[in-house]
Protein backbone atom coordinates (compact mmCIF):
# COMPACT_ATOMS: atom_id res chain seq x y z
CA MET A 1 -28.80 -9.27 64.34
CA THR A 2 -32.09 -7.35 63.96
CA ARG A 3 -30.01 -4.27 63.23
CA PHE A 4 -28.56 -5.86 60.10
CA ILE A 5 -31.89 -7.29 58.96
CA ILE A 6 -33.38 -3.80 59.07
CA ILE A 7 -30.43 -2.45 57.08
CA PHE A 8 -30.24 -5.20 54.47
CA ILE A 9 -33.97 -5.50 53.64
CA PRO A 10 -34.09 -2.22 51.65
CA ILE A 11 -30.71 -3.03 50.09
CA ILE A 12 -31.96 -6.41 48.89
CA ILE A 13 -35.21 -4.88 47.64
CA SER A 14 -33.24 -2.30 45.63
CA ALA A 15 -31.04 -4.96 44.03
CA ILE A 16 -34.10 -7.01 43.09
CA ALA A 17 -35.73 -3.85 41.69
CA GLN A 18 -32.69 -3.36 39.44
CA ILE A 19 -33.12 -6.81 37.89
CA ILE A 20 -36.88 -6.32 37.46
CA LEU A 21 -36.26 -2.98 35.75
CA LYS A 22 -33.82 -4.61 33.34
CA LEU A 23 -36.34 -7.36 32.59
CA GLY A 24 -39.05 -4.71 32.10
CA ILE A 25 -36.98 -2.72 29.64
CA GLY A 26 -36.27 -5.88 27.66
CA SER A 27 -34.88 -5.05 24.26
CA SER A 28 -36.10 -1.44 24.25
CA THR A 29 -33.58 1.07 23.00
CA THR A 30 -33.48 4.79 22.49
CA SER A 31 -32.98 4.33 18.74
CA GLN A 32 -36.57 5.42 18.07
CA GLY A 33 -36.22 8.45 20.30
CA LEU A 34 -36.27 9.14 24.00
CA ILE A 35 -39.98 9.89 24.15
CA ASN A 36 -40.91 6.56 22.56
CA PHE A 37 -38.43 4.79 24.82
CA PHE A 38 -39.91 6.32 27.97
CA ILE A 39 -43.51 5.73 26.90
CA LYS A 40 -42.76 2.08 26.16
CA THR A 41 -40.75 1.46 29.30
CA LEU A 42 -42.89 3.44 31.73
CA THR A 43 -45.97 1.48 30.65
CA SER A 44 -44.25 -1.87 31.17
CA PRO A 45 -45.71 -3.72 34.17
CA LEU A 46 -42.23 -4.92 35.17
CA VAL A 47 -40.82 -1.39 35.04
CA ILE A 48 -43.73 -0.17 37.17
CA LEU A 49 -43.06 -3.01 39.63
CA GLY A 50 -39.33 -2.24 39.69
CA LEU A 51 -39.94 1.45 40.34
CA SER A 52 -42.45 0.57 43.05
CA LEU A 53 -39.88 -1.66 44.72
CA TYR A 54 -37.34 1.17 44.58
CA GLY A 55 -39.91 3.40 46.27
CA LEU A 56 -40.53 0.78 48.96
CA GLY A 57 -36.78 0.41 49.44
CA ALA A 58 -36.43 4.18 49.83
CA LEU A 59 -39.19 4.28 52.43
CA LEU A 60 -37.61 1.43 54.36
CA TRP A 61 -34.23 3.15 54.09
CA LEU A 62 -35.74 6.08 56.00
CA ILE A 63 -36.24 3.70 58.92
CA VAL A 64 -32.58 2.72 58.68
CA LEU A 65 -31.49 6.36 58.64
CA SER A 66 -33.63 7.08 61.69
CA ARG A 67 -31.77 4.38 63.65
CA GLU A 68 -28.22 4.32 62.31
CA ASN A 69 -25.36 6.66 61.55
CA VAL A 70 -25.04 7.29 57.83
CA SER A 71 -21.31 6.59 58.09
CA PHE A 72 -22.18 3.07 59.26
CA ALA A 73 -25.27 2.22 57.21
CA PHE A 74 -24.56 3.76 53.82
CA PRO A 75 -21.33 1.84 53.07
CA LEU A 76 -23.34 -1.36 53.58
CA VAL A 77 -25.38 -0.38 50.51
CA SER A 78 -22.42 -1.66 48.49
CA PHE A 79 -23.83 -5.14 49.18
CA ALA A 80 -26.40 -4.30 46.49
CA TYR A 81 -23.57 -4.46 43.93
CA VAL A 82 -22.63 -7.95 45.05
CA LEU A 83 -26.24 -9.09 45.01
CA ALA A 84 -26.90 -7.49 41.60
CA ILE A 85 -24.01 -9.42 40.05
CA PHE A 86 -25.37 -12.70 41.43
CA LEU A 87 -28.95 -11.93 40.41
CA SER A 88 -27.92 -10.81 36.92
CA ALA A 89 -26.14 -14.10 36.39
CA VAL A 90 -29.13 -16.13 37.57
CA PHE A 91 -32.04 -14.19 36.06
CA LEU A 92 -30.49 -12.33 33.13
CA LYS A 93 -27.97 -15.04 32.18
CA GLU A 94 -25.15 -12.48 32.20
CA SER A 95 -21.63 -13.84 32.25
CA ILE A 96 -19.55 -13.30 35.35
CA THR A 97 -15.95 -12.41 34.64
CA LEU A 98 -13.04 -12.86 37.01
CA GLY A 99 -13.19 -9.15 37.85
CA ARG A 100 -16.85 -9.53 38.75
CA VAL A 101 -15.86 -12.23 41.21
CA ILE A 102 -12.80 -10.58 42.73
CA GLY A 103 -14.37 -7.12 43.11
CA PRO A 104 -17.31 -8.34 45.21
CA ILE A 105 -14.93 -10.30 47.42
CA PHE A 106 -13.29 -7.01 48.38
CA ILE A 107 -16.72 -5.43 48.89
CA ILE A 108 -17.73 -8.28 51.20
CA ILE A 109 -14.49 -7.91 53.15
CA GLY A 110 -15.21 -4.18 53.50
CA ILE A 111 -18.76 -4.86 54.64
CA PHE A 112 -17.47 -7.32 57.21
CA ILE A 113 -14.95 -4.79 58.55
CA ILE A 114 -17.62 -2.09 58.84
CA ALA A 115 -20.11 -4.48 60.45
CA ARG A 116 -17.57 -5.90 62.88
CA PHE A 117 -15.63 -2.80 63.85
CA GLY A 118 -17.88 0.05 62.70
């Protein structure tokens, strides 16, 4: 059980970071140029937080890689896709289509197979 907690903590942090980055970007677009876009977004507190969480997730992932085979651990990263869909619906009010329900079901089945038999 501890094995999976160690693996899924950086995965969950990365999915949360994705949502925070989206919130931090807000309605910014590249229509006023890439430089203006990057200055505006990289000075956003939420973007800074999101990038920091990604960094933390990467550091924690190093712990995972020191303990697990990449062929076992890395496919479990696909759980971030499932979590991101859920979080985007809750926090970003994005609509969830049938494909966005069926696809994650297959991902979860794959994760289960890897976790059980991997």
